[in-house]
Protein backbone atom coordinates (compact mmCIF):
# COMPACT_ATOMS: atom_id res chain seq x y z
CA MET A 1 20.54 7.27 6.04
CA GLY A 2 17.14 5.68 6.50
CA THR A 3 16.33 2.23 5.51
CA LEU A 4 18.52 0.12 2.85
CA SER A 5 14.92 0.69 0.37
CA SER A 6 14.72 4.44 1.48
CA GLU A 7 17.87 5.15 0.79
CA LEU A 8 18.22 3.03 -2.52
CA ALA A 9 14.16 3.58 -3.83
CA PRO A 10 14.87 6.99 -6.03
CA HIS A 11 17.74 5.70 -8.04
CA ALA A 12 15.67 2.37 -8.86
CA GLU A 13 13.00 4.68 -9.68
CA ARG A 14 15.08 6.83 -12.30
CA LEU A 15 16.87 3.48 -14.24
CA THR A 16 13.56 2.56 -15.56
CA ALA A 17 11.42 4.29 -17.18
CA ARG A 18 8.58 1.07 -16.64
CA PRO A 19 6.09 1.85 -14.16
CA ARG A 20 6.60 -0.03 -10.60
CA ILE A 21 3.96 -1.98 -9.53
CA TYR A 22 3.31 -3.72 -6.28
CA ALA A 23 0.87 -6.12 -7.16
CA ASP A 24 -1.16 -7.91 -3.06
CA ALA A 25 -2.70 -11.20 -2.91
CA ASN A 26 -5.93 -10.40 -3.86
CA VAL A 27 -4.62 -9.44 -7.90
CA PRO A 28 -5.53 -12.06 -10.18
CA ALA A 29 -2.23 -14.09 -11.57
CA GLY A 30 -3.54 -13.93 -14.75
CA LEU A 31 -2.66 -9.92 -15.05
CA VAL A 32 0.08 -10.09 -13.68
CA GLU A 33 1.86 -12.66 -16.11
CA HIS A 34 0.09 -9.70 -18.58
CA MET A 35 1.88 -6.48 -17.07
CA ARG A 36 4.32 -8.50 -17.31
CA GLN A 37 4.79 -10.58 -20.70
CA ARG A 38 2.73 -7.73 -22.62
CA LEU A 39 3.41 -4.04 -20.14
CA HIS A 40 6.70 -5.18 -19.36
CA TRP A 41 5.97 -3.56 -16.58
CA ASP A 42 8.06 -4.27 -13.19
CA VAL A 43 5.88 -6.11 -10.56
CA LEU A 44 6.66 -7.22 -7.48
CA PHE A 45 3.56 -9.99 -7.26
CA VAL A 46 3.06 -10.60 -3.05
CA LEU A 47 2.40 -14.08 -3.79
CA GLU A 48 5.89 -14.74 -5.22
CA ASP A 49 7.48 -13.95 -2.13
CA GLU A 50 6.81 -16.03 1.20
CA ASN A 51 7.76 -13.07 3.71
CA LEU A 52 5.01 -10.87 2.42
CA ARG A 53 1.75 -13.39 1.44
CA ARG A 54 0.42 -12.79 4.96
CA ALA A 55 1.09 -9.51 5.39
CA SER A 56 -0.91 -6.71 6.51
CA ASP A 57 -2.74 -4.35 4.45
CA VAL A 58 -1.54 -1.28 5.85
CA ALA A 59 1.73 -3.69 5.21
CA HIS A 60 1.37 -3.42 2.21
CA PHE A 61 0.38 0.23 1.46
CA ARG A 62 3.80 0.99 3.96
CA LEU A 63 5.48 -1.02 1.60
CA ALA A 64 4.70 -0.49 -1.75
CA HIS A 65 5.08 3.53 -0.69
CA GLN A 66 8.39 2.65 0.75
CA LEU A 67 9.25 0.93 -2.82
CA ARG A 68 7.24 3.97 -4.93
CA ARG A 69 5.91 1.10 -6.32
CA THR A 70 2.04 1.87 -7.20
CA LEU A 71 -0.23 -0.48 -5.40
CA VAL A 72 -3.24 -2.44 -7.30
CA THR A 73 -5.29 -3.96 -5.67
CA MET A 74 -8.52 -5.72 -5.85
CA ASP A 75 -9.43 -5.14 -2.31
CA ARG A 76 -12.17 -2.50 -1.29
CA ASP A 77 -10.25 -1.86 1.87
CA TYR A 78 -7.75 0.22 0.63
CA LEU A 79 -11.03 2.58 -0.25
CA ASP A 80 -11.25 4.18 3.13
CA ASP A 81 -8.15 6.64 3.27
CA ARG A 82 -8.09 7.25 6.83
CA ARG A 83 -7.09 3.76 7.02
CA PHE A 84 -4.74 4.65 3.82
CA PRO A 85 -4.94 8.40 2.99
CA PRO A 86 -3.98 8.73 -0.99
CA ALA A 87 -1.24 11.61 0.04
CA GLU A 88 0.73 8.80 1.59
CA THR A 89 0.91 6.17 -1.21
CA SER A 90 2.26 6.01 -4.65
CA GLY A 91 -0.21 5.28 -6.44
CA GLY A 92 -3.22 2.46 -6.72
CA GLY A 93 -5.83 0.91 -8.21
CA ARG A 94 -8.19 -1.40 -8.30
CA PRO A 95 -9.85 -3.43 -11.14
CA ARG A 96 -13.61 -4.07 -10.87
CA ARG A 97 -13.05 -8.89 -10.17
CA ARG A 98 -14.12 -10.78 -12.96
CA ARG A 99 -14.04 -14.25 -13.64
CA LYS A 100 -11.77 -13.41 -16.46
CA MET A 101 -10.48 -10.04 -17.53
CA SER A 102 -11.49 -9.34 -20.81
CA PRO A 103 -9.41 -7.33 -23.49
CA GLU A 104 -11.10 -4.60 -23.33
CA ALA A 105 -10.75 -4.23 -19.80
CA ARG A 106 -7.05 -5.71 -19.41
CA LYS A 107 -6.21 -2.46 -22.66
CA LYS A 108 -7.88 0.25 -20.47
CA ILE A 109 -6.38 -0.89 -16.75
CA SER A 110 -2.90 -0.70 -19.27
CA GLU A 111 -4.12 3.14 -19.92
CA MET A 112 -4.87 4.17 -16.67
CA MET A 113 -1.29 2.68 -14.80
CA LYS A 114 0.50 3.93 -17.74
CA LYS A 115 -1.61 7.32 -17.31
CA ARG A 116 -0.61 6.91 -13.17
CA TRP A 117 3.01 6.06 -13.92
CA ALA A 118 3.54 9.39 -16.13
CA GLU A 119 1.68 12.17 -13.86
CA ARG A 120 3.43 10.47 -11.43
CA ARG A 121 6.80 11.13 -13.24
CA LYS A 122 6.17 14.11 -13.78
CA GLY A 123 5.19 15.21 -10.07
CA LYS A 124 1.35 15.18 -9.61
């Protein structure tokens, strides 16, 4: 028997067709709001959880995988495949940082995430 989250994660994933996102502390609040309000995605934003705010990158990486959420970050550290092996993740993305995200950029991110979520649901 595993942890509560490891036991419940497969069931939570099956109950919703919406992408399940793990947004780390570097993701702009405006993007999180866009994913929630406009795209109706299930977003766990670490800045809203006191225990996760100061967690290490490795802790975020592992928790996103454990919860079966796609990690979205602006942090370049996650590009290091030795520290964060792609095979050990539930998917992820790192949009380019801008002062204000254009509607076109938001649309591209939305399309990319929908595609990754569909591939993940198919088992790729």
